[in-house]
C-alpha atoms as a PDB file:
ATOM      1  CA  MET A   1     114.217 119.832 134.150  1.00  0.00           C
ATOM      2  CA  THR A   2     112.235 118.432 131.191  1.00  0.00           C
ATOM      3  CA  GLY A   3     111.667 115.250 129.682  1.00  0.00           C
ATOM      4  CA  THR A   4     111.730 111.672 132.003  1.00  0.00           C
ATOM      5  CA  ASP A   5     115.295 110.823 133.070  1.00  0.00           C
ATOM      6  CA  TRP A   6     114.628 107.553 131.972  1.00  0.00           C
ATOM      7  CA  SER A   7     118.307 106.108 133.910  1.00  0.00           C
ATOM      8  CA  SER A   8     116.483 106.549 137.366  1.00  0.00           C
ATOM      9  CA  LEU A   9     113.795 104.283 137.082  1.00  0.00           C
ATOM     10  CA  ASP A  10     114.302 101.848 139.456  1.00  0.00           C
ATOM     11  CA  SER A  11     115.446  98.190 137.686  1.00  0.00           C
ATOM     12  CA  GLY A  12     116.091  96.206 140.692  1.00  0.00           C
ATOM     13  CA  VAL A  13     113.442  95.116 141.779  1.00  0.00           C
ATOM     14  CA  ALA A  14     111.676  91.545 140.505  1.00  0.00           C
ATOM     15  CA  GLY A  15     109.196  92.384 137.374  1.00  0.00           C
ATOM     16  CA  THR A  16     111.401  95.165 135.800  1.00  0.00           C
ATOM     17  CA  ILE A  17     110.533  95.514 132.299  1.00  0.00           C
ATOM     18  CA  SER A  18     114.023  95.276 129.750  1.00  0.00           C
ATOM     19  CA  PRO A  19     113.883  98.531 127.027  1.00  0.00           C
ATOM     20  CA  HIS A  20     112.530  96.088 124.455  1.00  0.00           C
ATOM     21  CA  THR A  21     109.513  95.167 126.445  1.00  0.00           C
ATOM     22  CA  PRO A  22     106.383  96.050 124.144  1.00  0.00           C
ATOM     23  CA  HIS A  23     103.610  98.077 126.054  1.00  0.00           C
ATOM     24  CA  HIS A  24     101.982  96.469 128.823  1.00  0.00           C
ATOM     25  CA  ASP A  25      98.381  95.307 127.799  1.00  0.00           C
ATOM     26  CA  SER A  26      95.966  94.966 130.595  1.00  0.00           C
ATOM     27  CA  ALA A  27      92.929  94.229 128.712  1.00  0.00           C
ATOM     28  CA  ALA A  28      91.290  97.001 130.389  1.00  0.00           C
ATOM     29  CA  ASP A  29      88.662  99.311 129.878  1.00  0.00           C
ATOM     30  CA  LEU A  30      90.171 101.624 132.064  1.00  0.00           C
ATOM     31  CA  SER A  31      93.613 102.466 133.681  1.00  0.00           C
ATOM     32  CA  VAL A  32      93.884 104.481 136.827  1.00  0.00           C
ATOM     33  CA  VAL A  33      96.871 106.149 137.360  1.00  0.00           C
ATOM     34  CA  VAL A  34      98.040 107.749 140.354  1.00  0.00           C
ATOM     35  CA  PRO A  35     100.794 109.773 140.404  1.00  0.00           C
ATOM     36  CA  MET A  36     102.852 109.641 143.761  1.00  0.00           C
ATOM     37  CA  TYR A  37     105.553 112.162 146.144  1.00  0.00           C
ATOM     38  CA  ARG A  38     105.452 111.500 150.054  1.00  0.00           C
ATOM     39  CA  GLU A  39     102.266 110.088 150.455  1.00  0.00           C
ATOM     40  CA  ALA A  40     102.628 107.483 153.005  1.00  0.00           C
ATOM     41  CA  ASP A  41     100.110 109.460 155.134  1.00  0.00           C
ATOM     42  CA  ARG A  42      97.524 109.460 152.552  1.00  0.00           C
ATOM     43  CA  ILE A  43      97.603 106.945 149.776  1.00  0.00           C
ATOM     44  CA  GLY A  44      96.300 103.726 151.768  1.00  0.00           C
ATOM     45  CA  ALA A  45      92.690 105.486 152.336  1.00  0.00           C
ATOM     46  CA  THR A  46      92.596 106.562 148.515  1.00  0.00           C
ATOM     47  CA  LEU A  47      93.266 102.932 147.654  1.00  0.00           C
ATOM     48  CA  ASP A  48      90.654 101.757 149.966  1.00  0.00           C
ATOM     49  CA  ASP A  49      88.101 104.229 148.265  1.00  0.00           C
ATOM     50  CA  LEU A  50      89.593 103.391 145.123  1.00  0.00           C
ATOM     51  CA  ILE A  51      89.408  99.056 144.838  1.00  0.00           C
ATOM     52  CA  GLY A  52      86.408  99.361 146.883  1.00  0.00           C
ATOM     53  CA  PHE A  53      84.682 101.164 143.538  1.00  0.00           C
ATOM     54  CA  LEU A  54      86.239  99.291 140.819  1.00  0.00           C
ATOM     55  CA  THR A  55      86.276  96.191 142.367  1.00  0.00           C
ATOM     56  CA  GLU A  56      82.331  96.674 141.742  1.00  0.00           C
ATOM     57  CA  TRP A  57      82.270  98.963 138.472  1.00  0.00           C
ATOM     58  CA  ASN A  58      80.698  97.578 135.245  1.00  0.00           C
ATOM     59  CA  ARG A  59      83.692  97.842 133.532  1.00  0.00           C
ATOM     60  CA  THR A  60      87.361  96.076 134.083  1.00  0.00           C
ATOM     61  CA  SER A  61      90.645  98.335 135.434  1.00  0.00           C
ATOM     62  CA  GLU A  62      93.643  98.465 136.592  1.00  0.00           C
ATOM     63  CA  ILE A  63      95.609 100.924 139.084  1.00  0.00           C
ATOM     64  CA  ILE A  64      98.970 101.754 137.967  1.00  0.00           C
ATOM     65  CA  LEU A  65     101.025 103.536 140.991  1.00  0.00           C
ATOM     66  CA  VAL A  66     104.005 105.518 140.167  1.00  0.00           C
ATOM     67  CA  ASP A  67     105.898 106.661 143.023  1.00  0.00           C
ATOM     68  CA  ASP A  68     107.878 109.660 142.192  1.00  0.00           C
ATOM     69  CA  GLY A  69     111.357 108.814 144.200  1.00  0.00           C
ATOM     70  CA  SER A  70     109.965 109.694 147.505  1.00  0.00           C
ATOM     71  CA  PRO A  71     111.934 109.191 150.470  1.00  0.00           C
ATOM     72  CA  ASP A  72     108.879 108.784 152.692  1.00  0.00           C
ATOM     73  CA  ASN A  73     107.648 104.891 153.204  1.00  0.00           C
ATOM     74  CA  THR A  74     105.161 105.600 150.176  1.00  0.00           C
ATOM     75  CA  ALA A  75     105.863 101.918 148.207  1.00  0.00           C
ATOM     76  CA  ASP A  76     106.162 100.444 151.882  1.00  0.00           C
ATOM     77  CA  ILE A  77     102.361 101.183 152.461  1.00  0.00           C
ATOM     78  CA  VAL A  78     101.350 100.879 148.652  1.00  0.00           C
ATOM     79  CA  THR A  79     103.478  97.491 148.606  1.00  0.00           C
ATOM     80  CA  PRO A  80      99.763  94.985 150.523  1.00  0.00           C
ATOM     81  CA  TYR A  81      98.196  96.339 147.666  1.00  0.00           C
ATOM     82  CA  LEU A  82      99.549  95.587 145.129  1.00  0.00           C
ATOM     83  CA  THR A  83      98.361  91.993 143.119  1.00  0.00           C
ATOM     84  CA  GLU A  84      97.694  90.450 139.502  1.00  0.00           C
ATOM     85  CA  ASN A  85      95.035  88.621 141.086  1.00  0.00           C
ATOM     86  CA  ARG A  86      91.547  89.652 139.675  1.00  0.00           C
ATOM     87  CA  GLN A  87      89.447  91.612 142.353  1.00  0.00           C
ATOM     88  CA  GLY A  88      86.166  91.282 140.795  1.00  0.00           C
ATOM     89  CA  MET A  89      86.267  93.909 137.548  1.00  0.00           C
ATOM     90  CA  LEU A  90      90.112  95.483 138.714  1.00  0.00           C
ATOM     91  CA  ASN A  91      92.112  93.046 136.727  1.00  0.00           C
ATOM     92  CA  CYS A  92      95.503  93.978 138.875  1.00  0.00           C
ATOM     93  CA  VAL A  93      97.394  97.229 140.999  1.00  0.00           C
ATOM     94  CA  ARG A  94     100.922  97.494 140.189  1.00  0.00           C
ATOM     95  CA  LEU A  95     103.320 100.243 141.086  1.00  0.00           C
ATOM     96  CA  VAL A  96     106.000 101.953 138.904  1.00  0.00           C
ATOM     97  CA  ARG A  97     109.128 103.227 141.027  1.00  0.00           C
ATOM     98  CA  LEU A  98     111.149 105.844 139.897  1.00  0.00           C
ATOM     99  CA  ASP A  99     113.952 105.957 142.434  1.00  0.00           C
ATOM    100  CA  ARG A 100     114.941 109.672 141.836  1.00  0.00           C
ATOM    101  CA  ASN A 101     112.120 112.649 142.139  1.00  0.00           C
ATOM    102  CA  GLN A 102     110.984 113.649 138.279  1.00  0.00           C
ATOM    103  CA  GLY A 103     108.495 115.503 139.219  1.00  0.00           C
ATOM    104  CA  LYS A 104     104.406 115.292 138.477  1.00  0.00           C
ATOM    105  CA  GLY A 105     104.693 115.149 135.028  1.00  0.00           C
ATOM    106  CA  GLY A 106     107.384 112.800 134.660  1.00  0.00           C
ATOM    107  CA  ALA A 107     105.414 110.725 137.107  1.00  0.00           C
ATOM    108  CA  VAL A 108     102.105 110.761 134.874  1.00  0.00           C
ATOM    109  CA  ARG A 109     104.139 110.169 131.659  1.00  0.00           C
ATOM    110  CA  ALA A 110     105.669 106.968 133.110  1.00  0.00           C
ATOM    111  CA  GLY A 111     102.236 105.688 134.253  1.00  0.00           C
ATOM    112  CA  LEU A 112     100.919 106.935 130.667  1.00  0.00           C
ATOM    113  CA  ALA A 113     103.636 104.711 129.170  1.00  0.00           C
ATOM    114  CA  GLN A 114     102.675 101.484 131.252  1.00  0.00           C
ATOM    115  CA  SER A 115      98.915 101.612 131.451  1.00  0.00           C
ATOM    116  CA  GLY A 116      97.250  99.166 128.733  1.00  0.00           C
ATOM    117  CA  GLY A 117      93.598 100.434 129.580  1.00  0.00           C
ATOM    118  CA  GLY A 118      91.150 101.233 126.693  1.00  0.00           C
ATOM    119  CA  MET A 119      91.087 104.935 128.661  1.00  0.00           C
ATOM    120  CA  ILE A 120      93.292 106.399 131.470  1.00  0.00           C
ATOM    121  CA  LEU A 121      92.456 108.081 134.282  1.00  0.00           C
ATOM    122  CA  MET A 122      94.773 110.641 136.149  1.00  0.00           C
ATOM    123  CA  MET A 123      93.930 111.572 139.383  1.00  0.00           C
ATOM    124  CA  ASP A 124      95.683 112.835 142.706  1.00  0.00           C
ATOM    125  CA  ALA A 125      96.808 110.686 145.422  1.00  0.00           C
ATOM    126  CA  ASP A 126      95.308 112.561 147.945  1.00  0.00           C
ATOM    127  CA  ASN A 127      91.337 111.615 146.663  1.00  0.00           C
ATOM    128  CA  ALA A 128      90.539 115.293 146.012  1.00  0.00           C
ATOM    129  CA  ALA A 129      88.554 114.208 143.193  1.00  0.00           C
ATOM    130  CA  THR A 130      87.204 110.690 143.921  1.00  0.00           C
ATOM    131  CA  ILE A 131      86.907 107.845 141.666  1.00  0.00           C
ATOM    132  CA  ARG A 132      83.458 108.628 141.059  1.00  0.00           C
ATOM    133  CA  GLU A 133      83.312 111.547 139.275  1.00  0.00           C
ATOM    134  CA  ILE A 134      84.820 109.457 136.505  1.00  0.00           C
ATOM    135  CA  GLN A 135      80.981 108.860 135.352  1.00  0.00           C
ATOM    136  CA  LYS A 136      80.981 112.803 134.423  1.00  0.00           C
ATOM    137  CA  LEU A 137      83.818 112.574 132.403  1.00  0.00           C
ATOM    138  CA  LEU A 138      82.820 109.135 130.122  1.00  0.00           C
ATOM    139  CA  PRO A 139      80.188 110.907 127.917  1.00  0.00           C
ATOM    140  CA  ALA A 140      82.465 113.163 127.181  1.00  0.00           C
ATOM    141  CA  LEU A 141      85.262 111.066 125.873  1.00  0.00           C
ATOM    142  CA  THR A 142      84.252 110.760 122.288  1.00  0.00           C
ATOM    143  CA  MET A 143      85.933 109.483 119.214  1.00  0.00           C
ATOM    144  CA  ASN A 144      87.693 112.390 118.417  1.00  0.00           C
ATOM    145  CA  THR A 145      88.230 113.894 122.347  1.00  0.00           C
ATOM    146  CA  GLY A 146      91.539 113.060 123.499  1.00  0.00           C
ATOM    147  CA  ILE A 147      91.206 114.736 126.756  1.00  0.00           C
ATOM    148  CA  VAL A 148      87.982 115.213 129.358  1.00  0.00           C
ATOM    149  CA  ALA A 149      89.554 117.422 132.474  1.00  0.00           C
ATOM    150  CA  GLY A 150      87.285 117.293 135.483  1.00  0.00           C
ATOM    151  CA  SER A 151      86.854 121.061 136.384  1.00  0.00           C
ATOM    152  CA  ARG A 152      86.990 123.145 139.092  1.00  0.00           C
ATOM    153  CA  ALA A 153      85.787 126.303 137.485  1.00  0.00           C
ATOM    154  CA  LEU A 154      82.362 125.676 135.305  1.00  0.00           C
ATOM    155  CA  THR A 155      79.125 126.717 137.078  1.00  0.00           C
ATOM    156  CA  ASP A 156      78.131 122.765 137.617  1.00  0.00           C
ATOM    157  CA  SER A 157      81.114 122.077 139.594  1.00  0.00           C
ATOM    158  CA  ASP A 158      81.149 121.342 143.197  1.00  0.00           C
ATOM    159  CA  VAL A 159      84.371 122.770 145.112  1.00  0.00           C
ATOM    160  CA  GLU A 160      85.005 123.123 148.502  1.00  0.00           C
ATOM    161  CA  ALA A 161      88.514 125.047 148.605  1.00  0.00           C
ATOM    162  CA  VAL A 162      90.377 127.865 150.600  1.00  0.00           C
ATOM    163  CA  LYS A 163      89.723 131.124 149.192  1.00  0.00           C
ATOM    164  CA  PHE A 164      93.592 132.292 148.698  1.00  0.00           C
ATOM    165  CA  ARG A 165      93.960 128.491 145.949  1.00  0.00           C
ATOM    166  CA  ALA A 166      90.012 129.753 144.070  1.00  0.00           C
ATOM    167  CA  LEU A 167      92.424 133.323 143.652  1.00  0.00           C
ATOM    168  CA  THR A 168      95.581 132.000 142.492  1.00  0.00           C
ATOM    169  CA  GLY A 169      93.746 129.878 140.066  1.00  0.00           C
ATOM    170  CA  LEU A 170      91.505 132.699 138.673  1.00  0.00           C
ATOM    171  CA  VAL A 171      94.996 134.912 138.401  1.00  0.00           C
ATOM    172  CA  PHE A 172      96.371 132.180 136.432  1.00  0.00           C
ATOM    173  CA  ARG A 173      93.641 131.803 133.718  1.00  0.00           C
ATOM    174  CA  GLY A 174      93.615 135.364 132.902  1.00  0.00           C
ATOM    175  CA  ALA A 175      97.674 134.613 132.221  1.00  0.00           C
ATOM    176  CA  LEU A 176      96.791 132.173 130.348  1.00  0.00           C
ATOM    177  CA  ALA A 177      94.077 134.146 128.544  1.00  0.00           C
ATOM    178  CA  ALA A 178      96.726 137.153 127.494  1.00  0.00           C
ATOM    179  CA  LEU A 179      99.081 134.582 126.692  1.00  0.00           C
ATOM    180  CA  GLY A 180      96.789 132.761 124.113  1.00  0.00           C
ATOM    181  CA  MET A 181      97.233 129.834 125.999  1.00  0.00           C
ATOM    182  CA  ASN A 182      93.986 129.138 127.287  1.00  0.00           C
ATOM    183  CA  VAL A 183      92.285 125.616 126.202  1.00  0.00           C
ATOM    184  CA  ILE A 184      90.279 125.224 129.032  1.00  0.00           C
ATOM    185  CA  ARG A 185      89.107 127.009 132.361  1.00  0.00           C
ATOM    186  CA  ASP A 186      90.415 124.564 134.921  1.00  0.00           C
ATOM    187  CA  THR A 187      94.322 123.245 133.291  1.00  0.00           C
ATOM    188  CA  GLN A 188      95.470 122.237 136.871  1.00  0.00           C
ATOM    189  CA  CYS A 189      92.950 119.931 138.130  1.00  0.00           C
ATOM    190  CA  GLY A 190      94.218 116.560 138.981  1.00  0.00           C
ATOM    191  CA  TYR A 191      91.633 114.986 137.314  1.00  0.00           C
ATOM    192  CA  LYS A 192      92.000 113.760 133.550  1.00  0.00           C
ATOM    193  CA  LEU A 193      90.465 111.047 131.639  1.00  0.00           C
ATOM    194  CA  TYR A 194      92.747 110.651 128.630  1.00  0.00           C
ATOM    195  CA  SER A 195      92.026 108.525 125.182  1.00  0.00           C
ATOM    196  CA  ARG A 196      94.037 105.855 124.628  1.00  0.00           C
ATOM    197  CA  ASP A 197      95.323 107.687 121.318  1.00  0.00           C
ATOM    198  CA  ALA A 198      95.935 110.930 123.785  1.00  0.00           C
ATOM    199  CA  ALA A 199      97.860 108.529 126.094  1.00  0.00           C
ATOM    200  CA  ARG A 200      99.830 107.241 123.385  1.00  0.00           C
ATOM    201  CA  VAL A 201     100.732 110.875 121.726  1.00  0.00           C
ATOM    202  CA  LEU A 202     101.298 111.920 125.402  1.00  0.00           C
ATOM    203  CA  ALA A 203     103.641 109.255 126.226  1.00  0.00           C
ATOM    204  CA  GLU A 204     106.223 109.691 123.546  1.00  0.00           C
ATOM    205  CA  HIS A 205     106.299 113.369 122.899  1.00  0.00           C
ATOM    206  CA  SER A 206     105.196 115.055 126.481  1.00  0.00           C
ATOM    207  CA  THR A 207     108.499 116.475 128.240  1.00  0.00           C
ATOM    208  CA  GLU A 208     107.168 118.637 131.181  1.00  0.00           C
ATOM    209  CA  ASN A 209     107.819 117.302 134.337  1.00  0.00           C
ATOM    210  CA  GLY A 210     107.017 120.610 136.808  1.00  0.00           C
ATOM    211  CA  TYR A 211     103.203 121.775 137.239  1.00  0.00           C
ATOM    212  CA  ILE A 212     102.547 123.000 133.729  1.00  0.00           C
ATOM    213  CA  PHE A 213     102.226 119.355 132.020  1.00  0.00           C
ATOM    214  CA  ASP A 214      98.602 119.351 132.376  1.00  0.00           C
ATOM    215  CA  LEU A 215      98.734 122.396 129.991  1.00  0.00           C
ATOM    216  CA  GLU A 216     101.508 120.880 127.590  1.00  0.00           C
ATOM    217  CA  HIS A 217      99.540 117.469 127.269  1.00  0.00           C
ATOM    218  CA  MET A 218      96.722 119.807 126.131  1.00  0.00           C
ATOM    219  CA  LEU A 219      98.148 121.918 124.249  1.00  0.00           C
ATOM    220  CA  LEU A 220     100.211 118.836 122.103  1.00  0.00           C
ATOM    221  CA  ALA A 221      96.865 116.964 121.845  1.00  0.00           C
ATOM    222  CA  LYS A 222      95.596 120.112 120.650  1.00  0.00           C
ATOM    223  CA  ARG A 223      97.647 120.002 118.123  1.00  0.00           C
ATOM    224  CA  ALA A 224      97.745 116.354 117.329  1.00  0.00           C
ATOM    225  CA  GLY A 225      93.985 116.794 116.209  1.00  0.00           C
ATOM    226  CA  LEU A 226      92.422 115.525 119.446  1.00  0.00           C
ATOM    227  CA  GLY A 227      89.904 117.668 120.873  1.00  0.00           C
ATOM    228  CA  ILE A 228      89.590 118.718 124.480  1.00  0.00           C
ATOM    229  CA  ALA A 229      86.604 118.803 126.266  1.00  0.00           C
ATOM    230  CA  GLU A 230      85.770 120.006 130.165  1.00  0.00           C
ATOM    231  CA  ARG A 231      83.743 118.575 132.907  1.00  0.00           C
ATOM    232  CA  GLY A 232      82.695 120.019 136.145  1.00  0.00           C
ATOM    233  CA  ILE A 233      83.486 117.866 138.854  1.00  0.00           C
ATOM    234  CA  LYS A 234      82.796 117.243 142.874  1.00  0.00           C
ATOM    235  CA  TRP A 235      86.403 118.349 144.474  1.00  0.00           C
ATOM    236  CA  HIS A 236      87.609 119.323 147.806  1.00  0.00           C
ATOM    237  CA  HIS A 237      90.657 120.701 149.273  1.00  0.00           C
ATOM    238  CA  VAL A 238      93.181 118.696 151.051  1.00  0.00           C
ATOM    239  CA  ASP A 239      95.938 119.916 153.674  1.00  0.00           C
ATOM    240  CA  GLY A 240      99.317 118.444 153.148  1.00  0.00           C
ATOM    241  CA  GLY A 241      99.640 118.729 149.480  1.00  0.00           C
ATOM    242  CA  GLN A 242     103.088 119.326 148.126  1.00  0.00           C
ATOM    243  CA  VAL A 243     101.654 122.724 145.884  1.00  0.00           C
ATOM    244  CA  SER A 244     102.327 126.061 147.576  1.00  0.00           C
ATOM    245  CA  ALA A 245      99.281 128.069 145.824  1.00  0.00           C
ATOM    246  CA  ILE A 246     101.299 131.444 145.804  1.00  0.00           C
ATOM    247  CA  SER A 247     104.807 130.678 144.755  1.00  0.00           C
ATOM    248  CA  ASP A 248     104.050 127.808 142.637  1.00  0.00           C
ATOM    249  CA  GLY A 249     101.161 130.050 140.575  1.00  0.00           C
ATOM    250  CA  LEU A 250     104.234 132.952 140.207  1.00  0.00           C
ATOM    251  CA  LYS A 251     106.508 129.799 139.002  1.00  0.00           C
ATOM    252  CA  MET A 252     103.846 128.519 136.496  1.00  0.00           C
ATOM    253  CA  LEU A 253     103.350 132.313 135.085  1.00  0.00           C
ATOM    254  CA  ARG A 254     106.955 132.363 134.442  1.00  0.00           C
ATOM    255  CA  GLU A 255     107.075 128.451 132.864  1.00  0.00           C
ATOM    256  CA  CYS A 256     104.089 128.899 130.875  1.00  0.00           C
ATOM    257  CA  LEU A 257     106.545 131.696 128.710  1.00  0.00           C
ATOM    258  CA  ARG A 258     108.445 129.217 128.073  1.00  0.00           C
ATOM    259  CA  LEU A 259     106.514 126.428 127.106  1.00  0.00           C
ATOM    260  CA  LYS A 260     104.667 128.880 124.701  1.00  0.00           C
ATOM    261  CA  LYS A 261     108.009 129.052 122.900  1.00  0.00           C
ATOM    262  CA  LYS A 262     108.976 125.678 123.023  1.00  0.00           C
ATOM    263  CA  LEU A 263     106.030 124.265 121.743  1.00  0.00           C
ATOM    264  CA  ALA A 264     106.134 126.623 118.602  1.00  0.00           C
ATOM    265  CA  THR A 265     109.755 124.529 117.329  1.00  0.00           C
ATOM    266  CA  ILE A 266     107.419 120.993 117.738  1.00  0.00           C
ATOM    267  CA  GLU A 267     106.415 120.034 114.396  1.00  0.00           C
ATOM    268  CA  THR A 268     102.958 118.985 114.278  1.00  0.00           C
ATOM    269  CA  SER A 269     103.360 116.360 111.748  1.00  0.00           C
ATOM    270  CA  LYS A 270     105.370 114.141 113.964  1.00  0.00           C
ATOM    271  CA  LEU A 271     102.384 114.637 116.368  1.00  0.00           C
ATOM    272  CA  ARG A 272      99.510 113.708 113.985  1.00  0.00           C
ATOM    273  CA  HIS A 273     102.584 110.770 112.814  1.00  0.00           C
ATOM    274  CA  THR A 274     101.847 109.459 116.099  1.00  0.00           C
ATOM    275  CA  LEU A 275      98.250 109.351 116.552  1.00  0.00           C
ATOM    276  CA  ALA A 276      97.849 107.987 112.955  1.00  0.00           C
ATOM    277  CA  GLU A 277     100.520 104.911 113.657  1.00  0.00           C
ATOM    278  CA  SER A 278      97.842 104.428 117.428  1.00  0.00           C
ATOM    279  CA  ARG A 279      95.085 103.355 115.634  1.00  0.00           C
ATOM    280  CA  LYS A 280      96.826 100.863 113.272  1.00  0.00           C
ATOM    281  CA  PRO A 281      95.600  97.650 115.026  1.00  0.00           C
ATOM    282  CA  ASP A 282      97.802  95.327 116.829  1.00  0.00           C
ATOM    283  CA  VAL A 283     100.678  98.418 116.697  1.00  0.00           C
ATOM    284  CA  LEU A 284     102.478  98.716 120.016  1.00  0.00           C
ATOM    285  CA  VAL A 285     104.064 102.179 121.761  1.00  0.00           C
ATOM    286  CA  GLU A 286     107.306 102.719 121.333  1.00  0.00           C
ATOM    287  CA  ALA A 287     108.813 100.827 124.257  1.00  0.00           C
ATOM    288  CA  LYS A 288     110.531 102.842 126.729  1.00  0.00           C
ATOM    289  CA  PRO A 289     114.070 101.925 128.913  1.00  0.00           C
ATOM    290  CA  ALA A 290     113.775  99.748 131.603  1.00  0.00           C
ATOM    291  CA  VAL A 291     111.000 100.356 134.717  1.00  0.00           C
ATOM    292  CA  SER A 292     110.533  98.878 137.761  1.00  0.00           C
ATOM    293  CA  VAL A 293     106.840  97.164 137.834  1.00  0.00           C
ATOM    294  CA  THR A 294     105.818  95.734 141.272  1.00  0.00           C
ATOM    295  CA  SER A 295     103.070  93.421 141.536  1.00  0.00           C
END
């Protein structure tokens, strides 16, 4: 399925944003978006680490948790962490709930649409790469750079991974090169820093909900005229993820062919128009339909 099914967003919780509500503005330097699906066993420890760092960091921040229709008690686990009261340098911790599973791409898109920070970090709920790795990405987020991707494939990367995952990644990168879609060496690492401009373009124009949403994001940002950078990070494999490296790797190859055909139909002028509009002072992102935001 492509595109976010915005009708599936839970609108029955206090704090619901109406379809005409302007883009959320937290006046934070950084928004951290954490997509979650069946993460009840892991998200608590991740939030403890994330909040502990951000409250003492030297920049203001907010955390946007996106529950992608989890059938377990993920939302219940994170509820005690939610707050609109500032804790040190952390402005707030908020929850966006999708009442039906969309896929990671849909969850990230919802998070980007609701983020108000000057830059946005997308990181996985398993904390495979911790918030501290952002220090390696920040210097590369220059004026004309849209996305800085954390990488497990560079010489300065520090990776603890099982061998079959590493092999699958190598095969996938080779396939992307053959298709002319090799934007960077590691497209699939779940740790990426977005500029505010890139987030606005992608919240409006991205449609992929599955595993190739990362690749779509980078190709769309590049088409819009934004640069893509890649920096090595420390990453460790965490058991219990929702990805099957072999079966999903084969699926991604098929999906890449479909994505390449789809992107060929997108007008570059529309992407660059959105980018230009996002750079105007006091311009708000086009509001999305009702999203439940719990705090």
